[in-house]
Amino acid sequence: MILAKVIGTVWATHKDEKITGMKLQIVQPVNLDYKPKKDFFVAVDSVGAGVGEIVLVVQGSSARQTELTENKAVDATIMAIVDKLDAEMEK
């Protein structure tokens, strides 16, 4: 799973009918201290996350394991909204 922040939403009027109705979010991976990494990608939102929220994202075949995404052309899915993160970081 990837820890990421939702930084935007994608609207696509014309798309494959199998993904019609799916919310597409732009996510940016973050470090444990929530500092953004350089990359970003688009993920299907299966949990109703909003811009600014920290989420857990899965990619590859795991992204197609939800009721919403099963057997669909999806490579990344937001699986959870993070409420709290506890981590001991070395100094």
PDB file of N, CA and C in Angstrom:
ATOM      1  N   MET A   1       0.839  -1.178   0.000  1.00  0.00           N
ATOM      2  CA  MET A   1       0.000   0.000   0.000  1.00  0.00           C
ATOM      3  C   MET A   1       0.884   1.240   0.000  1.00  0.00           C
ATOM      4  N   ILE A   2       0.342   2.290  -0.558  1.00  0.00           N
ATOM      5  CA  ILE A   2       1.070   3.548  -0.675  1.00  0.00           C
ATOM      6  C   ILE A   2       0.347   4.611   0.140  1.00  0.00           C
ATOM      7  N   LEU A   3       1.089   5.317   0.974  1.00  0.00           N
ATOM      8  CA  LEU A   3       0.546   6.441   1.720  1.00  0.00           C
ATOM      9  C   LEU A   3       0.585   7.656   0.799  1.00  0.00           C
ATOM     10  N   ALA A   4      -0.546   8.333   0.616  1.00  0.00           N
ATOM     11  CA  ALA A   4      -0.607   9.434  -0.349  1.00  0.00           C
ATOM     12  C   ALA A   4      -1.594  10.500   0.119  1.00  0.00           C
ATOM     13  N   LYS A   5      -1.505  11.653  -0.521  1.00  0.00           N
ATOM     14  CA  LYS A   5      -2.426  12.751  -0.261  1.00  0.00           C
ATOM     15  C   LYS A   5      -3.233  13.016  -1.524  1.00  0.00           C
ATOM     16  N   VAL A   6      -4.538  13.198  -1.371  1.00  0.00           N
ATOM     17  CA  VAL A   6      -5.385  13.544  -2.506  1.00  0.00           C
ATOM     18  C   VAL A   6      -5.151  15.023  -2.812  1.00  0.00           C
ATOM     19  N   ILE A   7      -4.689  15.305  -4.050  1.00  0.00           N
ATOM     20  CA  ILE A   7      -4.375  16.690  -4.406  1.00  0.00           C
ATOM     21  C   ILE A   7      -5.285  17.252  -5.497  1.00  0.00           C
ATOM     22  N   GLY A   8      -6.203  16.448  -5.998  1.00  0.00           N
ATOM     23  CA  GLY A   8      -7.102  16.949  -7.027  1.00  0.00           C
ATOM     24  C   GLY A   8      -8.034  15.877  -7.540  1.00  0.00           C
ATOM     25  N   THR A   9      -8.909  16.286  -8.443  1.00  0.00           N
ATOM     26  CA  THR A   9      -9.898  15.398  -9.037  1.00  0.00           C
ATOM     27  C   THR A   9      -9.799  15.484 -10.552  1.00  0.00           C
ATOM     28  N   VAL A  10     -10.038  14.370 -11.218  1.00  0.00           N
ATOM     29  CA  VAL A  10     -10.044  14.333 -12.685  1.00  0.00           C
ATOM     30  C   VAL A  10     -11.481  14.149 -13.151  1.00  0.00           C
ATOM     31  N   TRP A  11     -11.912  14.996 -14.079  1.00  0.00           N
ATOM     32  CA  TRP A  11     -13.213  14.829 -14.729  1.00  0.00           C
ATOM     33  C   TRP A  11     -12.949  14.385 -16.153  1.00  0.00           C
ATOM     34  N   ALA A  12     -13.605  13.327 -16.572  1.00  0.00           N
ATOM     35  CA  ALA A  12     -13.454  12.811 -17.931  1.00  0.00           C
ATOM     36  C   ALA A  12     -14.854  12.506 -18.469  1.00  0.00           C
ATOM     37  N   THR A  13     -15.321  13.346 -19.365  1.00  0.00           N
ATOM     38  CA  THR A  13     -16.656  13.165 -19.922  1.00  0.00           C
ATOM     39  C   THR A  13     -16.733  11.927 -20.787  1.00  0.00           C
ATOM     40  N   HIS A  14     -15.722  11.703 -21.600  1.00  0.00           N
ATOM     41  CA  HIS A  14     -15.677  10.535 -22.479  1.00  0.00           C
ATOM     42  C   HIS A  14     -14.687   9.526 -21.914  1.00  0.00           C
ATOM     43  N   LYS A  15     -15.201   8.373 -21.532  1.00  0.00           N
ATOM     44  CA  LYS A  15     -14.352   7.321 -20.972  1.00  0.00           C
ATOM     45  C   LYS A  15     -14.998   5.972 -21.231  1.00  0.00           C
ATOM     46  N   ASP A  16     -14.251   4.924 -20.994  1.00  0.00           N
ATOM     47  CA  ASP A  16     -14.781   3.578 -21.137  1.00  0.00           C
ATOM     48  C   ASP A  16     -15.990   3.422 -20.219  1.00  0.00           C
ATOM     49  N   GLU A  17     -17.037   2.805 -20.739  1.00  0.00           N
ATOM     50  CA  GLU A  17     -18.268   2.682 -19.966  1.00  0.00           C
ATOM     51  C   GLU A  17     -18.095   1.870 -18.681  1.00  0.00           C
ATOM     52  N   LYS A  18     -17.079   1.025 -18.613  1.00  0.00           N
ATOM     53  CA  LYS A  18     -16.853   0.235 -17.396  1.00  0.00           C
ATOM     54  C   LYS A  18     -16.407   1.085 -16.209  1.00  0.00           C
ATOM     55  N   ILE A  19     -15.883   2.277 -16.466  1.00  0.00           N
ATOM     56  CA  ILE A  19     -15.480   3.129 -15.343  1.00  0.00           C
ATOM     57  C   ILE A  19     -16.416   4.328 -15.163  1.00  0.00           C
ATOM     58  N   THR A  20     -17.536   4.323 -15.882  1.00  0.00           N
ATOM     59  CA  THR A  20     -18.533   5.379 -15.693  1.00  0.00           C
ATOM     60  C   THR A  20     -19.021   5.363 -14.248  1.00  0.00           C
ATOM     61  N   GLY A  21     -19.096   6.528 -13.656  1.00  0.00           N
ATOM     62  CA  GLY A  21     -19.556   6.660 -12.279  1.00  0.00           C
ATOM     63  C   GLY A  21     -18.460   6.555 -11.241  1.00  0.00           C
ATOM     64  N   MET A  22     -17.255   6.210 -11.649  1.00  0.00           N
ATOM     65  CA  MET A  22     -16.138   6.130 -10.696  1.00  0.00           C
ATOM     66  C   MET A  22     -15.504   7.501 -10.530  1.00  0.00           C
ATOM     67  N   LYS A  23     -15.202   7.856  -9.287  1.00  0.00           N
ATOM     68  CA  LYS A  23     -14.536   9.114  -8.986  1.00  0.00           C
ATOM     69  C   LYS A  23     -13.034   8.915  -9.162  1.00  0.00           C
ATOM     70  N   LEU A  24     -12.413   9.778  -9.962  1.00  0.00           N
ATOM     71  CA  LEU A  24     -10.976   9.690 -10.231  1.00  0.00           C
ATOM     72  C   LEU A  24     -10.258  10.807  -9.484  1.00  0.00           C
ATOM     73  N   GLN A  25      -9.325  10.430  -8.630  1.00  0.00           N
ATOM     74  CA  GLN A  25      -8.596  11.391  -7.805  1.00  0.00           C
ATOM     75  C   GLN A  25      -7.114  11.405  -8.187  1.00  0.00           C
ATOM     76  N   ILE A  26      -6.517  12.591  -8.133  1.00  0.00           N
ATOM     77  CA  ILE A  26      -5.073  12.722  -8.311  1.00  0.00           C
ATOM     78  C   ILE A  26      -4.452  12.578  -6.929  1.00  0.00           C
ATOM     79  N   VAL A  27      -3.540  11.630  -6.787  1.00  0.00           N
ATOM     80  CA  VAL A  27      -2.889  11.391  -5.493  1.00  0.00           C
ATOM     81  C   VAL A  27      -1.379  11.558  -5.625  1.00  0.00           C
ATOM     82  N   GLN A  28      -0.781  12.054  -4.546  1.00  0.00           N
ATOM     83  CA  GLN A  28       0.661  12.254  -4.505  1.00  0.00           C
ATOM     84  C   GLN A  28       1.217  11.493  -3.301  1.00  0.00           C
ATOM     85  N   PRO A  29       2.085  10.507  -3.547  1.00  0.00           N
ATOM     86  CA  PRO A  29       2.690   9.788  -2.428  1.00  0.00           C
ATOM     87  C   PRO A  29       3.379  10.742  -1.446  1.00  0.00           C
ATOM     88  N   VAL A  30       3.337  10.384  -0.166  1.00  0.00           N
ATOM     89  CA  VAL A  30       3.964  11.189   0.879  1.00  0.00           C
ATOM     90  C   VAL A  30       4.837  10.301   1.762  1.00  0.00           C
ATOM     91  N   ASN A  31       5.778  10.935   2.458  1.00  0.00           N
ATOM     92  CA  ASN A  31       6.601  10.259   3.463  1.00  0.00           C
ATOM     93  C   ASN A  31       5.795  10.116   4.749  1.00  0.00           C
ATOM     94  N   LEU A  32       6.361   9.464   5.754  1.00  0.00           N
ATOM     95  CA  LEU A  32       5.674   9.292   7.037  1.00  0.00           C
ATOM     96  C   LEU A  32       5.392  10.607   7.745  1.00  0.00           C
ATOM     97  N   ASP A  33       6.152  11.652   7.416  1.00  0.00           N
ATOM     98  CA  ASP A  33       5.902  12.970   8.004  1.00  0.00           C
ATOM     99  C   ASP A  33       5.008  13.823   7.100  1.00  0.00           C
ATOM    100  N   TYR A  34       4.369  13.176   6.135  1.00  0.00           N
ATOM    101  CA  TYR A  34       3.424  13.783   5.188  1.00  0.00           C
ATOM    102  C   TYR A  34       4.071  14.727   4.181  1.00  0.00           C
ATOM    103  N   LYS A  35       5.402  14.729   4.097  1.00  0.00           N
ATOM    104  CA  LYS A  35       6.061  15.548   3.072  1.00  0.00           C
ATOM    105  C   LYS A  35       5.866  14.867   1.717  1.00  0.00           C
ATOM    106  N   PRO A  36       5.457  15.635   0.701  1.00  0.00           N
ATOM    107  CA  PRO A  36       5.168  15.028  -0.601  1.00  0.00           C
ATOM    108  C   PRO A  36       6.413  14.535  -1.309  1.00  0.00           C
ATOM    109  N   LYS A  37       6.226  13.426  -2.028  1.00  0.00           N
ATOM    110  CA  LYS A  37       7.264  12.947  -2.933  1.00  0.00           C
ATOM    111  C   LYS A  37       7.009  13.594  -4.287  1.00  0.00           C
ATOM    112  N   LYS A  38       7.880  13.389  -5.256  1.00  0.00           N
ATOM    113  CA  LYS A  38       7.767  14.091  -6.536  1.00  0.00           C
ATOM    114  C   LYS A  38       6.672  13.550  -7.448  1.00  0.00           C
ATOM    115  N   ASP A  39       6.364  12.277  -7.360  1.00  0.00           N
ATOM    116  CA  ASP A  39       5.417  11.655  -8.289  1.00  0.00           C
ATOM    117  C   ASP A  39       3.967  11.966  -7.945  1.00  0.00           C
ATOM    118  N   PHE A  40       3.098  11.706  -8.896  1.00  0.00           N
ATOM    119  CA  PHE A  40       1.656  11.717  -8.666  1.00  0.00           C
ATOM    120  C   PHE A  40       1.034  10.760  -9.665  1.00  0.00           C
ATOM    121  N   PHE A  41      -0.183  10.314  -9.387  1.00  0.00           N
ATOM    122  CA  PHE A  41      -0.903   9.450 -10.319  1.00  0.00           C
ATOM    123  C   PHE A  41      -2.391   9.552 -10.030  1.00  0.00           C
ATOM    124  N   VAL A  42      -3.189   8.948 -10.897  1.00  0.00           N
ATOM    125  CA  VAL A  42      -4.645   8.970 -10.756  1.00  0.00           C
ATOM    126  C   VAL A  42      -5.094   7.629 -10.189  1.00  0.00           C
ATOM    127  N   ALA A  43      -6.017   7.696  -9.224  1.00  0.00           N
ATOM    128  CA  ALA A  43      -6.550   6.485  -8.602  1.00  0.00           C
ATOM    129  C   ALA A  43      -8.069   6.571  -8.532  1.00  0.00           C
ATOM    130  N   VAL A  44      -8.722   5.429  -8.677  1.00  0.00           N
ATOM    131  CA  VAL A  44     -10.166   5.355  -8.473  1.00  0.00           C
ATOM    132  C   VAL A  44     -10.422   5.443  -6.973  1.00  0.00           C
ATOM    133  N   ASP A  45     -11.401   6.243  -6.592  1.00  0.00           N
ATOM    134  CA  ASP A  45     -11.732   6.422  -5.183  1.00  0.00           C
ATOM    135  C   ASP A  45     -12.869   5.490  -4.795  1.00  0.00           C
ATOM    136  N   SER A  46     -12.576   4.490  -3.980  1.00  0.00           N
ATOM    137  CA  SER A  46     -13.607   3.539  -3.560  1.00  0.00           C
ATOM    138  C   SER A  46     -14.176   3.852  -2.181  1.00  0.00           C
ATOM    139  N   VAL A  47     -13.683   4.944  -1.546  1.00  0.00           N
ATOM    140  CA  VAL A  47     -14.105   5.235  -0.168  1.00  0.00           C
ATOM    141  C   VAL A  47     -14.623   6.654   0.047  1.00  0.00           C
ATOM    142  N   GLY A  48     -14.694   7.470  -0.979  1.00  0.00           N
ATOM    143  CA  GLY A  48     -15.221   8.825  -0.825  1.00  0.00           C
ATOM    144  C   GLY A  48     -14.245   9.819  -0.234  1.00  0.00           C
ATOM    145  N   ALA A  49     -12.974   9.702  -0.574  1.00  0.00           N
ATOM    146  CA  ALA A  49     -11.951  10.622  -0.073  1.00  0.00           C
ATOM    147  C   ALA A  49     -12.086  11.993  -0.742  1.00  0.00           C
ATOM    148  N   GLY A  50     -11.622  13.018  -0.040  1.00  0.00           N
ATOM    149  CA  GLY A  50     -11.668  14.366  -0.586  1.00  0.00           C
ATOM    150  C   GLY A  50     -10.281  14.955  -0.714  1.00  0.00           C
ATOM    151  N   VAL A  51     -10.187  16.053  -1.450  1.00  0.00           N
ATOM    152  CA  VAL A  51      -8.912  16.742  -1.633  1.00  0.00           C
ATOM    153  C   VAL A  51      -8.370  17.155  -0.269  1.00  0.00           C
ATOM    154  N   GLY A  52      -7.083  16.898  -0.066  1.00  0.00           N
ATOM    155  CA  GLY A  52      -6.418  17.231   1.188  1.00  0.00           C
ATOM    156  C   GLY A  52      -6.314  16.075   2.157  1.00  0.00           C
ATOM    157  N   GLU A  53      -7.045  14.997   1.925  1.00  0.00           N
ATOM    158  CA  GLU A  53      -7.006  13.868   2.848  1.00  0.00           C
ATOM    159  C   GLU A  53      -5.829  12.944   2.551  1.00  0.00           C
ATOM    160  N   ILE A  54      -5.326  12.321   3.605  1.00  0.00           N
ATOM    161  CA  ILE A  54      -4.281  11.306   3.490  1.00  0.00           C
ATOM    162  C   ILE A  54      -4.987   9.963   3.321  1.00  0.00           C
ATOM    163  N   VAL A  55      -4.529   9.186   2.341  1.00  0.00           N
ATOM    164  CA  VAL A  55      -5.205   7.931   1.989  1.00  0.00           C
ATOM    165  C   VAL A  55      -4.200   6.809   1.805  1.00  0.00           C
ATOM    166  N   LEU A  56      -4.718   5.581   1.770  1.00  0.00           N
ATOM    167  CA  LEU A  56      -3.931   4.407   1.409  1.00  0.00           C
ATOM    168  C   LEU A  56      -4.375   3.970   0.025  1.00  0.00           C
ATOM    169  N   VAL A  57      -3.400   3.762  -0.859  1.00  0.00           N
ATOM    170  CA  VAL A  57      -3.672   3.409  -2.244  1.00  0.00           C
ATOM    171  C   VAL A  57      -2.997   2.080  -2.566  1.00  0.00           C
ATOM    172  N   VAL A  58      -3.688   1.235  -3.304  1.00  0.00           N
ATOM    173  CA  VAL A  58      -3.090   0.003  -3.813  1.00  0.00           C
ATOM    174  C   VAL A  58      -3.007   0.105  -5.328  1.00  0.00           C
ATOM    175  N   GLN A  59      -2.026  -0.598  -5.885  1.00  0.00           N
ATOM    176  CA  GLN A  59      -1.837  -0.587  -7.331  1.00  0.00           C
ATOM    177  C   GLN A  59      -1.789  -2.010  -7.868  1.00  0.00           C
ATOM    178  N   GLY A  60      -1.845  -2.114  -9.191  1.00  0.00           N
ATOM    179  CA  GLY A  60      -1.755  -3.414  -9.850  1.00  0.00           C
ATOM    180  C   GLY A  60      -3.000  -4.251  -9.626  1.00  0.00           C
ATOM    181  N   SER A  61      -2.821  -5.557  -9.550  1.00  0.00           N
ATOM    182  CA  SER A  61      -3.977  -6.456  -9.427  1.00  0.00           C
ATOM    183  C   SER A  61      -4.760  -6.211  -8.143  1.00  0.00           C
ATOM    184  N   SER A  62      -4.108  -5.726  -7.099  1.00  0.00           N
ATOM    185  CA  SER A  62      -4.813  -5.423  -5.844  1.00  0.00           C
ATOM    186  C   SER A  62      -5.840  -4.307  -6.034  1.00  0.00           C
ATOM    187  N   ALA A  63      -5.598  -3.427  -6.993  1.00  0.00           N
ATOM    188  CA  ALA A  63      -6.518  -2.319  -7.256  1.00  0.00           C
ATOM    189  C   ALA A  63      -7.843  -2.807  -7.838  1.00  0.00           C
ATOM    190  N   ARG A  64      -7.874  -4.031  -8.306  1.00  0.00           N
ATOM    191  CA  ARG A  64      -9.097  -4.580  -8.891  1.00  0.00           C
ATOM    192  C   ARG A  64      -9.790  -5.564  -7.945  1.00  0.00           C
ATOM    193  N   GLN A  65      -9.537  -5.443  -6.662  1.00  0.00           N
ATOM    194  CA  GLN A  65     -10.103  -6.369  -5.684  1.00  0.00           C
ATOM    195  C   GLN A  65     -11.282  -5.792  -4.905  1.00  0.00           C
ATOM    196  N   THR A  66     -11.758  -4.605  -5.274  1.00  0.00           N
ATOM    197  CA  THR A  66     -12.911  -4.039  -4.578  1.00  0.00           C
ATOM    198  C   THR A  66     -14.180  -4.364  -5.354  1.00  0.00           C
ATOM    199  N   GLU A  67     -15.297  -4.236  -4.707  1.00  0.00           N
ATOM    200  CA  GLU A  67     -16.583  -4.456  -5.370  1.00  0.00           C
ATOM    201  C   GLU A  67     -16.750  -3.487  -6.540  1.00  0.00           C
ATOM    202  N   LEU A  68     -16.281  -2.260  -6.369  1.00  0.00           N
ATOM    203  CA  LEU A  68     -16.404  -1.221  -7.394  1.00  0.00           C
ATOM    204  C   LEU A  68     -15.506  -1.477  -8.608  1.00  0.00           C
ATOM    205  N   THR A  69     -14.306  -2.024  -8.379  1.00  0.00           N
ATOM    206  CA  THR A  69     -13.302  -2.104  -9.447  1.00  0.00           C
ATOM    207  C   THR A  69     -13.082  -3.508 -10.020  1.00  0.00           C
ATOM    208  N   GLU A  70     -13.774  -4.489  -9.509  1.00  0.00           N
ATOM    209  CA  GLU A  70     -13.556  -5.869  -9.951  1.00  0.00           C
ATOM    210  C   GLU A  70     -13.739  -6.013 -11.462  1.00  0.00           C
ATOM    211  N   ASN A  71     -12.718  -6.607 -12.097  1.00  0.00           N
ATOM    212  CA  ASN A  71     -12.711  -6.845 -13.549  1.00  0.00           C
ATOM    213  C   ASN A  71     -12.794  -5.567 -14.390  1.00  0.00           C
ATOM    214  N   LYS A  72     -12.256  -4.481 -13.864  1.00  0.00           N
ATOM    215  CA  LYS A  72     -12.246  -3.211 -14.590  1.00  0.00           C
ATOM    216  C   LYS A  72     -10.795  -2.823 -14.880  1.00  0.00           C
ATOM    217  N   ALA A  73     -10.602  -1.973 -15.865  1.00  0.00           N
ATOM    218  CA  ALA A  73      -9.257  -1.525 -16.256  1.00  0.00           C
ATOM    219  C   ALA A  73      -8.778  -0.447 -15.284  1.00  0.00           C
ATOM    220  N   VAL A  74      -8.425  -0.868 -14.091  1.00  0.00           N
ATOM    221  CA  VAL A  74      -8.006   0.042 -13.021  1.00  0.00           C
ATOM    222  C   VAL A  74      -6.635  -0.392 -12.529  1.00  0.00           C
ATOM    223  N   ASP A  75      -5.725   0.572 -12.372  1.00  0.00           N
ATOM    224  CA  ASP A  75      -4.379   0.257 -11.911  1.00  0.00           C
ATOM    225  C   ASP A  75      -4.080   0.808 -10.521  1.00  0.00           C
ATOM    226  N   ALA A  76      -4.930   1.700 -10.008  1.00  0.00           N
ATOM    227  CA  ALA A  76      -4.720   2.258  -8.671  1.00  0.00           C
ATOM    228  C   ALA A  76      -6.082   2.555  -8.046  1.00  0.00           C
ATOM    229  N   THR A  77      -6.235   2.172  -6.773  1.00  0.00           N
ATOM    230  CA  THR A  77      -7.497   2.391  -6.063  1.00  0.00           C
ATOM    231  C   THR A  77      -7.216   2.919  -4.664  1.00  0.00           C
ATOM    232  N   ILE A  78      -7.947   3.962  -4.282  1.00  0.00           N
ATOM    233  CA  ILE A  78      -7.902   4.457  -2.902  1.00  0.00           C
ATOM    234  C   ILE A  78      -8.742   3.492  -2.073  1.00  0.00           C
ATOM    235  N   MET A  79      -8.105   2.849  -1.089  1.00  0.00           N
ATOM    236  CA  MET A  79      -8.757   1.809  -0.285  1.00  0.00           C
ATOM    237  C   MET A  79      -9.142   2.271   1.118  1.00  0.00           C
ATOM    238  N   ALA A  80      -8.522   3.375   1.596  1.00  0.00           N
ATOM    239  CA  ALA A  80      -8.795   3.810   2.965  1.00  0.00           C
ATOM    240  C   ALA A  80      -8.427   5.282   3.124  1.00  0.00           C
ATOM    241  N   ILE A  81      -9.137   5.931   4.028  1.00  0.00           N
ATOM    242  CA  ILE A  81      -8.796   7.292   4.441  1.00  0.00           C
ATOM    243  C   ILE A  81      -8.103   7.162   5.792  1.00  0.00           C
ATOM    244  N   VAL A  82      -6.926   7.749   5.923  1.00  0.00           N
ATOM    245  CA  VAL A  82      -6.136   7.633   7.150  1.00  0.00           C
ATOM    246  C   VAL A  82      -6.648   8.635   8.182  1.00  0.00           C
ATOM    247  N   ASP A  83      -7.035   8.126   9.357  1.00  0.00           N
ATOM    248  CA  ASP A  83      -7.463   8.991  10.453  1.00  0.00           C
ATOM    249  C   ASP A  83      -6.276   9.431  11.290  1.00  0.00           C
ATOM    250  N   LYS A  84      -5.345   8.504  11.498  1.00  0.00           N
ATOM    251  CA  LYS A  84      -4.203   8.789  12.357  1.00  0.00           C
ATOM    252  C   LYS A  84      -3.061   7.880  11.949  1.00  0.00           C
ATOM    253  N   LEU A  85      -1.852   8.378  12.097  1.00  0.00           N
ATOM    254  CA  LEU A  85      -0.667   7.587  11.776  1.00  0.00           C
ATOM    255  C   LEU A  85       0.318   7.715  12.933  1.00  0.00           C
ATOM    256  N   ASP A  86       0.705   6.603  13.509  1.00  0.00           N
ATOM    257  CA  ASP A  86       1.709   6.578  14.567  1.00  0.00           C
ATOM    258  C   ASP A  86       2.932   5.848  14.026  1.00  0.00           C
ATOM    259  N   ALA A  87       4.070   6.532  14.013  1.00  0.00           N
ATOM    260  CA  ALA A  87       5.305   5.909  13.524  1.00  0.00           C
ATOM    261  C   ALA A  87       6.480   6.500  14.281  1.00  0.00           C
ATOM    262  N   GLU A  88       7.415   5.636  14.640  1.00  0.00           N
ATOM    263  CA  GLU A  88       8.656   6.086  15.261  1.00  0.00           C
ATOM    264  C   GLU A  88       9.680   6.239  14.171  1.00  0.00           C
ATOM    265  N   MET A  89      10.154   7.448  13.989  1.00  0.00           N
ATOM    266  CA  MET A  89      11.143   7.712  12.946  1.00  0.00           C
ATOM    267  C   MET A  89      12.511   7.891  13.579  1.00  0.00           C
ATOM    268  N   GLU A  90      13.514   7.280  12.955  1.00  0.00           N
ATOM    269  CA  GLU A  90      14.889   7.442  13.440  1.00  0.00           C
ATOM    270  C   GLU A  90      15.373   8.838  13.125  1.00  0.00           C
ATOM    271  N   LYS A  91      16.198   9.369  14.011  1.00  0.00           N
ATOM    272  CA  LYS A  91      16.748  10.715  13.796  1.00  0.00           C
ATOM    273  C   LYS A  91      18.170  10.647  13.339  1.00  0.00           C
TER     274      LYS A  91
END
